[in-house]
Amino acid sequence: MANGVSCALFAGKNLIYGQKEGNVFKEGIGVIQATRTIDSAAQAGYITGSWTKGLNKLTKFAKGLLYPLIILSGIFNTIKSDDKVKTGAKQAGGISFMFTFEKIADKGLKKLEKKLLSLPKVQSDKKLAIGVYVLKGLCFAAASIGGYKTGNKVLGKIIDFLRGDIKSNKYKNINYEFSQDNSEQDIFEDIRAK
């Protein structure tokens, strides 16, 4: 079952930014995450009705569309950008880091959640159990958003660094030094000296 807290945060973020940027893929992500939020509430028993079974099936199908939509959103941002190389690299870095951070966070948070929910005090207090659920959702969302921002920034800096080196002709100097290599001549001079 999806965590309704993280899904709600992702839904809001993607719907807002999707509208601002005119990015239909982000809007699609927002709609799927909103559906997952409602479904998680239904699975937890907060929403009831016969329609929730159909919603659960729809949500499972829609979940498979999330990462393709995220990738399409990155492609869309790259196409509309003036600097396609840098934007493409930043988008690829952001998505890759986001996915990696999510996988690591998901594994660690599941273990932590299990430990916390097994504590007698948490088992006897429903508010504490809800707090654990909310904390898990917030931490997962932070890992996902943090991963995206980190990857985006790292790849942007790499592109800036490479462009800076090319502009300052550092690569040209390296090639020049290699072309002036006289190591074979030095070896023969040493042999003749003996």
N, C-alpha and C. Protein backbone atom coordinates (compact mmCIF):
# COMPACT_ATOMS: atom_id res chain seq x y z
N MET A 1 0.84 -1.19 0.00
CA MET A 1 0.00 0.00 0.00
C MET A 1 0.88 1.25 0.00
N ALA A 2 0.52 2.20 -0.83
CA ALA A 2 1.26 3.46 -0.92
C ALA A 2 1.07 4.28 0.35
N ASN A 3 2.06 5.11 0.64
CA ASN A 3 1.94 6.00 1.79
C ASN A 3 1.19 7.26 1.34
N GLY A 4 0.03 7.48 1.92
CA GLY A 4 -0.83 8.60 1.53
C GLY A 4 -0.20 9.95 1.74
N VAL A 5 0.68 10.06 2.73
CA VAL A 5 1.32 11.35 3.04
C VAL A 5 2.27 11.75 1.91
N SER A 6 3.17 10.84 1.54
CA SER A 6 4.12 11.16 0.46
C SER A 6 3.38 11.34 -0.86
N CYS A 7 2.37 10.50 -1.12
CA CYS A 7 1.60 10.63 -2.37
C CYS A 7 0.89 11.98 -2.44
N ALA A 8 0.33 12.43 -1.31
CA ALA A 8 -0.36 13.73 -1.28
C ALA A 8 0.62 14.87 -1.55
N LEU A 9 1.82 14.79 -0.98
CA LEU A 9 2.83 15.82 -1.21
C LEU A 9 3.25 15.85 -2.68
N PHE A 10 3.47 14.65 -3.26
CA PHE A 10 3.86 14.57 -4.67
C PHE A 10 2.72 15.06 -5.57
N ALA A 11 1.49 14.74 -5.20
CA ALA A 11 0.33 15.17 -5.98
C ALA A 11 0.27 16.69 -6.03
N GLY A 12 0.33 17.32 -4.86
CA GLY A 12 0.26 18.78 -4.78
C GLY A 12 1.39 19.45 -5.55
N LYS A 13 2.60 18.96 -5.33
CA LYS A 13 3.79 19.55 -5.97
C LYS A 13 3.68 19.46 -7.49
N ASN A 14 3.33 18.27 -8.00
CA ASN A 14 3.28 18.08 -9.45
C ASN A 14 2.11 18.81 -10.10
N LEU A 15 0.98 18.86 -9.42
CA LEU A 15 -0.17 19.59 -9.98
C LEU A 15 0.12 21.09 -10.05
N ILE A 16 0.72 21.63 -9.00
CA ILE A 16 1.04 23.07 -8.97
C ILE A 16 2.09 23.42 -10.02
N TYR A 17 3.22 22.69 -10.01
CA TYR A 17 4.29 23.01 -10.96
C TYR A 17 3.92 22.64 -12.39
N GLY A 18 3.13 21.58 -12.55
CA GLY A 18 2.66 21.21 -13.88
C GLY A 18 1.84 22.32 -14.52
N GLN A 19 0.97 22.94 -13.72
CA GLN A 19 0.15 24.06 -14.22
C GLN A 19 1.01 25.28 -14.52
N LYS A 20 1.94 25.60 -13.60
CA LYS A 20 2.81 26.76 -13.79
C LYS A 20 3.67 26.63 -15.04
N GLU A 21 4.20 25.44 -15.27
CA GLU A 21 5.13 25.21 -16.38
C GLU A 21 4.42 24.79 -17.67
N GLY A 22 3.12 24.54 -17.60
CA GLY A 22 2.41 24.03 -18.77
C GLY A 22 2.88 22.64 -19.14
N ASN A 23 3.25 21.85 -18.13
CA ASN A 23 3.80 20.51 -18.33
C ASN A 23 2.71 19.47 -18.04
N VAL A 24 2.09 18.94 -19.10
CA VAL A 24 0.99 17.98 -18.93
C VAL A 24 1.45 16.68 -18.28
N PHE A 25 2.73 16.35 -18.45
CA PHE A 25 3.25 15.11 -17.85
C PHE A 25 3.30 15.23 -16.33
N LYS A 26 3.72 16.40 -15.84
CA LYS A 26 3.72 16.64 -14.39
C LYS A 26 2.29 16.63 -13.86
N GLU A 27 1.39 17.20 -14.62
CA GLU A 27 -0.02 17.19 -14.20
C GLU A 27 -0.53 15.76 -14.12
N GLY A 28 -0.13 14.93 -15.08
CA GLY A 28 -0.50 13.51 -15.06
C GLY A 28 0.04 12.80 -13.83
N ILE A 29 1.29 13.11 -13.48
CA ILE A 29 1.90 12.55 -12.26
C ILE A 29 1.08 12.97 -11.05
N GLY A 30 0.69 14.24 -11.02
CA GLY A 30 -0.11 14.77 -9.91
C GLY A 30 -1.45 14.05 -9.77
N VAL A 31 -2.10 13.79 -10.89
CA VAL A 31 -3.40 13.10 -10.87
C VAL A 31 -3.22 11.67 -10.35
N ILE A 32 -2.17 10.97 -10.83
CA ILE A 32 -1.92 9.60 -10.37
C ILE A 32 -1.63 9.59 -8.87
N GLN A 33 -0.81 10.53 -8.41
CA GLN A 33 -0.46 10.58 -6.99
C GLN A 33 -1.68 10.95 -6.13
N ALA A 34 -2.57 11.78 -6.67
CA ALA A 34 -3.80 12.11 -5.94
C ALA A 34 -4.68 10.86 -5.82
N THR A 35 -4.75 10.08 -6.90
CA THR A 35 -5.51 8.83 -6.89
C THR A 35 -4.93 7.86 -5.88
N ARG A 36 -3.60 7.79 -5.83
CA ARG A 36 -2.93 6.91 -4.86
C ARG A 36 -3.19 7.36 -3.43
N THR A 37 -3.29 8.67 -3.22
CA THR A 37 -3.59 9.21 -1.89
C THR A 37 -4.97 8.75 -1.44
N ILE A 38 -5.95 8.91 -2.31
CA ILE A 38 -7.32 8.50 -1.99
C ILE A 38 -7.39 6.99 -1.77
N ASP A 39 -6.68 6.23 -2.63
CA ASP A 39 -6.68 4.77 -2.49
C ASP A 39 -6.05 4.33 -1.17
N SER A 40 -4.98 4.99 -0.75
CA SER A 40 -4.34 4.61 0.52
C SER A 40 -5.27 4.88 1.70
N ALA A 41 -6.04 5.97 1.60
CA ALA A 41 -7.03 6.27 2.65
C ALA A 41 -8.13 5.21 2.66
N ALA A 42 -8.52 4.75 1.48
CA ALA A 42 -9.54 3.70 1.37
C ALA A 42 -9.02 2.38 1.92
N GLN A 43 -7.76 2.05 1.59
CA GLN A 43 -7.15 0.80 2.07
C GLN A 43 -7.01 0.79 3.59
N ALA A 44 -6.80 1.97 4.16
CA ALA A 44 -6.66 2.09 5.62
C ALA A 44 -8.02 2.13 6.32
N GLY A 45 -9.11 2.19 5.53
CA GLY A 45 -10.45 2.17 6.11
C GLY A 45 -11.04 3.52 6.42
N TYR A 46 -10.36 4.60 6.00
CA TYR A 46 -10.87 5.95 6.26
C TYR A 46 -11.95 6.34 5.25
N ILE A 47 -11.92 5.69 4.08
CA ILE A 47 -12.95 5.92 3.05
C ILE A 47 -13.55 4.56 2.73
N THR A 48 -14.87 4.49 2.69
CA THR A 48 -15.52 3.22 2.40
C THR A 48 -16.47 3.36 1.22
N GLY A 49 -16.78 2.23 0.63
CA GLY A 49 -17.71 2.20 -0.49
C GLY A 49 -17.30 1.13 -1.48
N SER A 50 -18.25 0.64 -2.24
CA SER A 50 -17.95 -0.42 -3.21
C SER A 50 -17.02 0.08 -4.31
N TRP A 51 -17.05 1.37 -4.58
CA TRP A 51 -16.22 1.96 -5.63
C TRP A 51 -14.72 1.89 -5.32
N THR A 52 -14.36 1.67 -4.04
CA THR A 52 -12.94 1.67 -3.66
C THR A 52 -12.19 0.46 -4.26
N LYS A 53 -12.92 -0.64 -4.53
CA LYS A 53 -12.25 -1.81 -5.15
C LYS A 53 -11.80 -1.46 -6.56
N GLY A 54 -12.68 -0.78 -7.31
CA GLY A 54 -12.31 -0.34 -8.65
C GLY A 54 -11.19 0.67 -8.62
N LEU A 55 -11.20 1.55 -7.63
CA LEU A 55 -10.15 2.55 -7.48
C LEU A 55 -8.81 1.87 -7.23
N ASN A 56 -8.81 0.82 -6.42
CA ASN A 56 -7.57 0.10 -6.12
C ASN A 56 -6.97 -0.51 -7.38
N LYS A 57 -7.82 -1.09 -8.23
CA LYS A 57 -7.33 -1.67 -9.50
C LYS A 57 -6.78 -0.59 -10.41
N LEU A 58 -7.48 0.53 -10.49
CA LEU A 58 -7.04 1.66 -11.31
C LEU A 58 -5.71 2.21 -10.80
N THR A 59 -5.59 2.30 -9.49
CA THR A 59 -4.36 2.84 -8.88
C THR A 59 -3.16 1.95 -9.16
N LYS A 60 -3.36 0.64 -9.08
CA LYS A 60 -2.26 -0.30 -9.37
C LYS A 60 -1.78 -0.15 -10.82
N PHE A 61 -2.74 0.01 -11.74
CA PHE A 61 -2.39 0.21 -13.15
C PHE A 61 -1.66 1.55 -13.33
N ALA A 62 -2.21 2.60 -12.73
CA ALA A 62 -1.66 3.95 -12.88
C ALA A 62 -0.25 4.07 -12.30
N LYS A 63 0.03 3.31 -11.25
CA LYS A 63 1.37 3.36 -10.63
C LYS A 63 2.46 3.00 -11.64
N GLY A 64 2.14 2.07 -12.54
CA GLY A 64 3.09 1.67 -13.58
C GLY A 64 3.40 2.78 -14.58
N LEU A 65 2.57 3.81 -14.60
CA LEU A 65 2.78 4.93 -15.53
C LEU A 65 3.61 6.06 -14.92
N LEU A 66 3.85 5.98 -13.61
CA LEU A 66 4.54 7.08 -12.92
C LEU A 66 5.92 7.39 -13.49
N TYR A 67 6.81 6.39 -13.52
CA TYR A 67 8.18 6.67 -13.97
C TYR A 67 8.25 7.02 -15.45
N PRO A 68 7.46 6.37 -16.33
CA PRO A 68 7.44 6.85 -17.72
C PRO A 68 7.02 8.32 -17.82
N LEU A 69 6.03 8.74 -17.02
CA LEU A 69 5.60 10.14 -17.04
C LEU A 69 6.69 11.07 -16.50
N ILE A 70 7.42 10.60 -15.49
CA ILE A 70 8.52 11.40 -14.94
C ILE A 70 9.60 11.60 -16.01
N ILE A 71 9.92 10.52 -16.74
CA ILE A 71 10.92 10.61 -17.81
C ILE A 71 10.42 11.53 -18.92
N LEU A 72 9.15 11.38 -19.31
CA LEU A 72 8.58 12.25 -20.35
C LEU A 72 8.57 13.72 -19.91
N SER A 73 8.35 13.95 -18.62
CA SER A 73 8.39 15.32 -18.09
C SER A 73 9.80 15.89 -18.25
N GLY A 74 10.82 15.07 -17.97
CA GLY A 74 12.21 15.51 -18.15
C GLY A 74 12.52 15.81 -19.60
N ILE A 75 12.02 14.97 -20.51
CA ILE A 75 12.23 15.19 -21.95
C ILE A 75 11.53 16.48 -22.38
N PHE A 76 10.30 16.68 -21.89
CA PHE A 76 9.54 17.90 -22.21
C PHE A 76 10.31 19.14 -21.76
N ASN A 77 10.84 19.12 -20.53
CA ASN A 77 11.61 20.26 -20.02
C ASN A 77 12.86 20.51 -20.86
N THR A 78 13.48 19.43 -21.33
CA THR A 78 14.69 19.55 -22.16
C THR A 78 14.36 20.17 -23.51
N ILE A 79 13.29 19.69 -24.14
CA ILE A 79 12.90 20.19 -25.46
C ILE A 79 12.59 21.68 -25.43
N LYS A 80 11.90 22.14 -24.40
CA LYS A 80 11.51 23.55 -24.36
C LYS A 80 12.62 24.47 -23.82
N SER A 81 13.74 23.88 -23.41
CA SER A 81 14.84 24.66 -22.86
C SER A 81 15.72 25.27 -23.96
N ASP A 82 16.33 26.41 -23.66
CA ASP A 82 17.29 27.02 -24.59
C ASP A 82 18.61 26.26 -24.57
N ASP A 83 19.00 25.75 -23.41
CA ASP A 83 20.25 24.99 -23.27
C ASP A 83 19.88 23.51 -23.09
N LYS A 84 19.67 22.84 -24.21
CA LYS A 84 19.17 21.46 -24.18
C LYS A 84 20.17 20.47 -23.59
N VAL A 85 21.45 20.69 -23.81
CA VAL A 85 22.47 19.77 -23.29
C VAL A 85 22.48 19.81 -21.76
N LYS A 86 22.57 21.01 -21.22
CA LYS A 86 22.63 21.15 -19.77
C LYS A 86 21.32 20.72 -19.12
N THR A 87 20.19 21.14 -19.68
CA THR A 87 18.89 20.77 -19.12
C THR A 87 18.69 19.26 -19.18
N GLY A 88 19.04 18.65 -20.31
CA GLY A 88 18.92 17.20 -20.45
C GLY A 88 19.76 16.46 -19.44
N ALA A 89 21.00 16.92 -19.24
CA ALA A 89 21.89 16.29 -18.26
C ALA A 89 21.33 16.46 -16.85
N LYS A 90 20.85 17.65 -16.54
CA LYS A 90 20.29 17.91 -15.21
C LYS A 90 19.04 17.06 -14.96
N GLN A 91 18.18 16.94 -15.97
CA GLN A 91 16.98 16.13 -15.83
C GLN A 91 17.34 14.66 -15.61
N ALA A 92 18.28 14.17 -16.41
CA ALA A 92 18.70 12.77 -16.28
C ALA A 92 19.33 12.52 -14.92
N GLY A 93 20.17 13.44 -14.47
CA GLY A 93 20.79 13.31 -13.15
C GLY A 93 19.76 13.36 -12.04
N GLY A 94 18.83 14.30 -12.14
CA GLY A 94 17.79 14.42 -11.13
C GLY A 94 16.94 13.17 -11.01
N ILE A 95 16.50 12.64 -12.15
CA ILE A 95 15.64 11.45 -12.14
C ILE A 95 16.42 10.23 -11.63
N SER A 96 17.66 10.08 -12.06
CA SER A 96 18.49 8.95 -11.61
C SER A 96 18.72 8.98 -10.11
N PHE A 97 19.12 10.14 -9.60
CA PHE A 97 19.37 10.28 -8.16
C PHE A 97 18.07 10.10 -7.38
N MET A 98 16.98 10.64 -7.90
CA MET A 98 15.69 10.52 -7.23
C MET A 98 15.31 9.05 -7.07
N PHE A 99 15.43 8.30 -8.15
CA PHE A 99 15.10 6.88 -8.13
C PHE A 99 15.98 6.13 -7.13
N THR A 100 17.28 6.43 -7.14
CA THR A 100 18.23 5.78 -6.23
C THR A 100 17.92 6.13 -4.78
N PHE A 101 17.71 7.40 -4.49
CA PHE A 101 17.39 7.84 -3.13
C PHE A 101 16.09 7.20 -2.64
N GLU A 102 15.10 7.10 -3.55
CA GLU A 102 13.82 6.49 -3.17
C GLU A 102 14.00 5.02 -2.79
N LYS A 103 14.79 4.30 -3.59
CA LYS A 103 15.01 2.87 -3.30
C LYS A 103 15.68 2.69 -1.94
N ILE A 104 16.72 3.48 -1.69
CA ILE A 104 17.45 3.39 -0.41
C ILE A 104 16.53 3.78 0.75
N ALA A 105 15.79 4.88 0.59
CA ALA A 105 14.89 5.36 1.64
C ALA A 105 13.79 4.35 1.92
N ASP A 106 13.21 3.79 0.86
CA ASP A 106 12.12 2.82 1.02
C ASP A 106 12.56 1.63 1.86
N LYS A 107 13.75 1.12 1.55
CA LYS A 107 14.28 -0.04 2.28
C LYS A 107 14.52 0.31 3.75
N GLY A 108 15.19 1.43 3.99
CA GLY A 108 15.49 1.83 5.36
C GLY A 108 14.25 2.20 6.16
N LEU A 109 13.32 2.90 5.52
CA LEU A 109 12.10 3.33 6.23
C LEU A 109 11.18 2.17 6.57
N LYS A 110 11.16 1.15 5.73
CA LYS A 110 10.34 -0.04 6.03
C LYS A 110 10.87 -0.73 7.30
N LYS A 111 12.19 -0.83 7.39
CA LYS A 111 12.80 -1.45 8.59
C LYS A 111 12.51 -0.61 9.83
N LEU A 112 12.68 0.70 9.70
CA LEU A 112 12.44 1.60 10.83
C LEU A 112 10.98 1.55 11.25
N GLU A 113 10.07 1.58 10.28
CA GLU A 113 8.64 1.52 10.57
C GLU A 113 8.29 0.23 11.33
N LYS A 114 8.85 -0.87 10.87
CA LYS A 114 8.58 -2.17 11.51
C LYS A 114 9.04 -2.16 12.97
N LYS A 115 10.23 -1.61 13.20
CA LYS A 115 10.77 -1.53 14.57
C LYS A 115 9.90 -0.63 15.45
N LEU A 116 9.53 0.53 14.92
CA LEU A 116 8.74 1.47 15.71
C LEU A 116 7.34 0.92 16.01
N LEU A 117 6.73 0.29 15.02
CA LEU A 117 5.38 -0.26 15.23
C LEU A 117 5.37 -1.47 16.17
N SER A 118 6.54 -2.08 16.36
CA SER A 118 6.62 -3.23 17.28
C SER A 118 6.80 -2.80 18.74
N LEU A 119 7.07 -1.51 18.95
CA LEU A 119 7.23 -1.02 20.32
C LEU A 119 5.86 -1.06 21.03
N PRO A 120 5.83 -1.55 22.27
CA PRO A 120 4.56 -1.66 23.00
C PRO A 120 3.81 -0.33 23.13
N LYS A 121 4.54 0.74 23.35
CA LYS A 121 3.91 2.05 23.51
C LYS A 121 3.20 2.48 22.21
N VAL A 122 3.83 2.22 21.07
CA VAL A 122 3.24 2.58 19.78
C VAL A 122 2.04 1.68 19.47
N GLN A 123 2.17 0.41 19.84
CA GLN A 123 1.06 -0.53 19.60
C GLN A 123 -0.19 -0.17 20.41
N SER A 124 0.02 0.41 21.57
CA SER A 124 -1.12 0.73 22.43
C SER A 124 -1.68 2.14 22.19
N ASP A 125 -0.98 2.95 21.39
CA ASP A 125 -1.43 4.33 21.15
C ASP A 125 -1.59 4.56 19.65
N LYS A 126 -2.83 4.69 19.20
CA LYS A 126 -3.12 4.86 17.78
C LYS A 126 -2.51 6.15 17.22
N LYS A 127 -2.45 7.19 18.05
CA LYS A 127 -1.87 8.47 17.61
C LYS A 127 -0.38 8.30 17.27
N LEU A 128 0.31 7.52 18.08
CA LEU A 128 1.74 7.27 17.81
C LEU A 128 1.91 6.46 16.53
N ALA A 129 1.03 5.49 16.31
CA ALA A 129 1.10 4.68 15.09
C ALA A 129 0.86 5.56 13.85
N ILE A 130 -0.08 6.48 13.96
CA ILE A 130 -0.33 7.42 12.86
C ILE A 130 0.88 8.33 12.66
N GLY A 131 1.50 8.73 13.77
CA GLY A 131 2.71 9.56 13.71
C GLY A 131 3.83 8.86 12.96
N VAL A 132 3.99 7.55 13.20
CA VAL A 132 5.01 6.75 12.50
C VAL A 132 4.72 6.75 11.00
N TYR A 133 3.44 6.58 10.65
CA TYR A 133 3.01 6.56 9.25
C TYR A 133 3.31 7.90 8.57
N VAL A 134 2.97 8.99 9.26
CA VAL A 134 3.21 10.34 8.72
C VAL A 134 4.71 10.59 8.58
N LEU A 135 5.48 10.21 9.60
CA LEU A 135 6.93 10.38 9.57
C LEU A 135 7.55 9.63 8.39
N LYS A 136 7.10 8.41 8.18
CA LYS A 136 7.61 7.61 7.05
C LYS A 136 7.32 8.32 5.73
N GLY A 137 6.11 8.83 5.57
CA GLY A 137 5.74 9.53 4.34
C GLY A 137 6.56 10.79 4.11
N LEU A 138 6.76 11.56 5.17
CA LEU A 138 7.54 12.79 5.07
C LEU A 138 9.00 12.50 4.72
N CYS A 139 9.55 11.47 5.37
CA CYS A 139 10.96 11.10 5.11
C CYS A 139 11.15 10.60 3.68
N PHE A 140 10.19 9.81 3.19
CA PHE A 140 10.28 9.30 1.82
C PHE A 140 10.19 10.45 0.82
N ALA A 141 9.26 11.37 1.05
CA ALA A 141 9.12 12.53 0.16
C ALA A 141 10.39 13.38 0.17
N ALA A 142 10.97 13.56 1.36
CA ALA A 142 12.21 14.35 1.48
C ALA A 142 13.35 13.67 0.72
N ALA A 143 13.44 12.34 0.82
CA ALA A 143 14.48 11.60 0.11
C ALA A 143 14.31 11.72 -1.40
N SER A 144 13.08 11.60 -1.86
CA SER A 144 12.78 11.70 -3.29
C SER A 144 13.10 13.08 -3.84
N ILE A 145 12.59 14.10 -3.19
CA ILE A 145 12.80 15.48 -3.64
C ILE A 145 14.28 15.86 -3.49
N GLY A 146 14.88 15.46 -2.37
CA GLY A 146 16.31 15.73 -2.15
C GLY A 146 17.18 15.04 -3.18
N GLY A 147 16.83 13.81 -3.52
CA GLY A 147 17.58 13.07 -4.54
C GLY A 147 17.51 13.77 -5.88
N TYR A 148 16.31 14.22 -6.25
CA TYR A 148 16.15 14.92 -7.53
C TYR A 148 16.98 16.21 -7.54
N LYS A 149 16.87 16.99 -6.48
CA LYS A 149 17.60 18.26 -6.41
C LYS A 149 19.12 18.03 -6.45
N THR A 150 19.57 17.00 -5.73
CA THR A 150 21.01 16.70 -5.69
C THR A 150 21.51 16.30 -7.07
N GLY A 151 20.83 15.35 -7.71
CA GLY A 151 21.24 14.90 -9.04
C GLY A 151 21.20 16.02 -10.06
N ASN A 152 20.18 16.85 -9.99
CA ASN A 152 20.03 17.97 -10.89
C ASN A 152 21.20 18.93 -10.74
N LYS A 153 21.55 19.22 -9.49
CA LYS A 153 22.63 20.17 -9.19
C LYS A 153 23.99 19.59 -9.59
N VAL A 154 24.24 18.32 -9.25
CA VAL A 154 25.53 17.68 -9.54
C VAL A 154 25.78 17.66 -11.05
N LEU A 155 24.79 17.22 -11.82
CA LEU A 155 24.98 17.16 -13.28
C LEU A 155 25.12 18.56 -13.88
N GLY A 156 24.40 19.52 -13.33
CA GLY A 156 24.56 20.90 -13.79
C GLY A 156 25.97 21.40 -13.56
N LYS A 157 26.53 21.10 -12.38
CA LYS A 157 27.91 21.53 -12.06
C LYS A 157 28.92 20.82 -12.96
N ILE A 158 28.68 19.54 -13.27
CA ILE A 158 29.58 18.80 -14.15
C ILE A 158 29.59 19.44 -15.54
N ILE A 159 28.41 19.78 -16.05
CA ILE A 159 28.34 20.44 -17.37
C ILE A 159 29.06 21.79 -17.32
N ASP A 160 28.83 22.56 -16.26
CA ASP A 160 29.52 23.85 -16.12
C ASP A 160 31.03 23.66 -16.07
N PHE A 161 31.47 22.64 -15.33
CA PHE A 161 32.90 22.36 -15.19
C PHE A 161 33.51 22.00 -16.55
N LEU A 162 32.84 21.11 -17.28
CA LEU A 162 33.36 20.70 -18.58
C LEU A 162 33.38 21.87 -19.56
N ARG A 163 32.36 22.67 -19.54
CA ARG A 163 32.33 23.83 -20.42
C ARG A 163 33.39 24.84 -20.04
N GLY A 164 33.65 24.99 -18.76
CA GLY A 164 34.70 25.90 -18.29
C GLY A 164 36.07 25.43 -18.73
N ASP A 165 36.32 24.11 -18.65
CA ASP A 165 37.61 23.57 -19.07
C ASP A 165 37.81 23.73 -20.57
N ILE A 166 36.75 23.50 -21.33
CA ILE A 166 36.87 23.62 -22.79
C ILE A 166 37.13 25.08 -23.17
N LYS A 167 36.46 26.01 -22.53
CA LYS A 167 36.64 27.43 -22.83
C LYS A 167 38.05 27.90 -22.47
N SER A 168 38.63 27.33 -21.39
CA SER A 168 39.96 27.77 -20.98
C SER A 168 41.07 27.00 -21.68
N ASN A 169 40.69 26.15 -22.63
CA ASN A 169 41.65 25.38 -23.46
C ASN A 169 42.52 24.42 -22.65
N LYS A 170 42.05 23.96 -21.52
CA LYS A 170 42.84 23.00 -20.74
C LYS A 170 43.04 21.71 -21.52
N TYR A 171 41.99 21.28 -22.26
CA TYR A 171 42.12 20.05 -23.04
C TYR A 171 43.15 20.22 -24.14
N LYS A 172 43.18 21.41 -24.72
CA LYS A 172 44.14 21.68 -25.79
C LYS A 172 45.57 21.56 -25.25
N ASN A 173 45.82 22.10 -24.06
CA ASN A 173 47.15 22.04 -23.44
C ASN A 173 47.57 20.60 -23.15
N ILE A 174 46.61 19.80 -22.70
CA ILE A 174 46.92 18.40 -22.40
C ILE A 174 47.34 17.69 -23.69
N ASN A 175 46.58 17.89 -24.77
CA ASN A 175 46.91 17.25 -26.05
C ASN A 175 48.27 17.73 -26.55
N TYR A 176 48.53 18.99 -26.36
CA TYR A 176 49.81 19.55 -26.80
C TYR A 176 50.96 18.90 -26.04
N GLU A 177 50.82 18.76 -24.73
CA GLU A 177 51.87 18.12 -23.94
C GLU A 177 52.12 16.69 -24.39
N PHE A 178 51.06 15.95 -24.72
CA PHE A 178 51.24 14.57 -25.17
C PHE A 178 51.91 14.53 -26.54
N SER A 179 51.60 15.50 -27.38
CA SER A 179 52.19 15.50 -28.72
C SER A 179 53.68 15.84 -28.67
N GLN A 180 54.13 16.47 -27.61
CA GLN A 180 55.54 16.84 -27.46
C GLN A 180 56.32 15.79 -26.66
N ASP A 181 55.75 14.60 -26.48
CA ASP A 181 56.37 13.55 -25.68
C ASP A 181 57.62 13.02 -26.39
N ASN A 182 58.77 13.11 -25.73
CA ASN A 182 60.05 12.64 -26.31
C ASN A 182 60.59 11.46 -25.53
N SER A 183 59.73 10.65 -24.96
CA SER A 183 60.20 9.57 -24.08
C SER A 183 61.00 8.53 -24.85
N GLU A 184 60.66 8.23 -26.13
CA GLU A 184 61.41 7.23 -26.89
C GLU A 184 62.82 7.72 -27.15
N GLN A 185 62.95 8.98 -27.50
CA GLN A 185 64.26 9.56 -27.77
C GLN A 185 65.13 9.48 -26.51
N ASP A 186 64.56 9.78 -25.35
CA ASP A 186 65.31 9.72 -24.10
C ASP A 186 65.80 8.31 -23.82
N ILE A 187 64.99 7.29 -24.08
CA ILE A 187 65.39 5.90 -23.84
C ILE A 187 66.61 5.55 -24.67
N PHE A 188 66.59 5.91 -25.95
CA PHE A 188 67.72 5.60 -26.82
C PHE A 188 68.97 6.34 -26.42
N GLU A 189 68.81 7.59 -25.92
CA GLU A 189 69.96 8.34 -25.44
C GLU A 189 70.60 7.64 -24.26
N ASP A 190 69.79 7.10 -23.37
CA ASP A 190 70.30 6.38 -22.20
C ASP A 190 71.09 5.14 -22.65
N ILE A 191 70.57 4.42 -23.64
CA ILE A 191 71.24 3.20 -24.11
C ILE A 191 72.58 3.55 -24.73
N ARG A 192 72.60 4.62 -25.56
CA ARG A 192 73.84 5.01 -26.21
C ARG A 192 74.88 5.45 -25.19
N ALA A 193 74.42 6.06 -24.11
CA ALA A 193 75.35 6.55 -23.08
C ALA A 193 76.04 5.40 -22.39
N LYS A 194 75.38 4.22 -22.32
CA LYS A 194 75.98 3.07 -21.65
C LYS A 194 76.99 2.44 -22.57
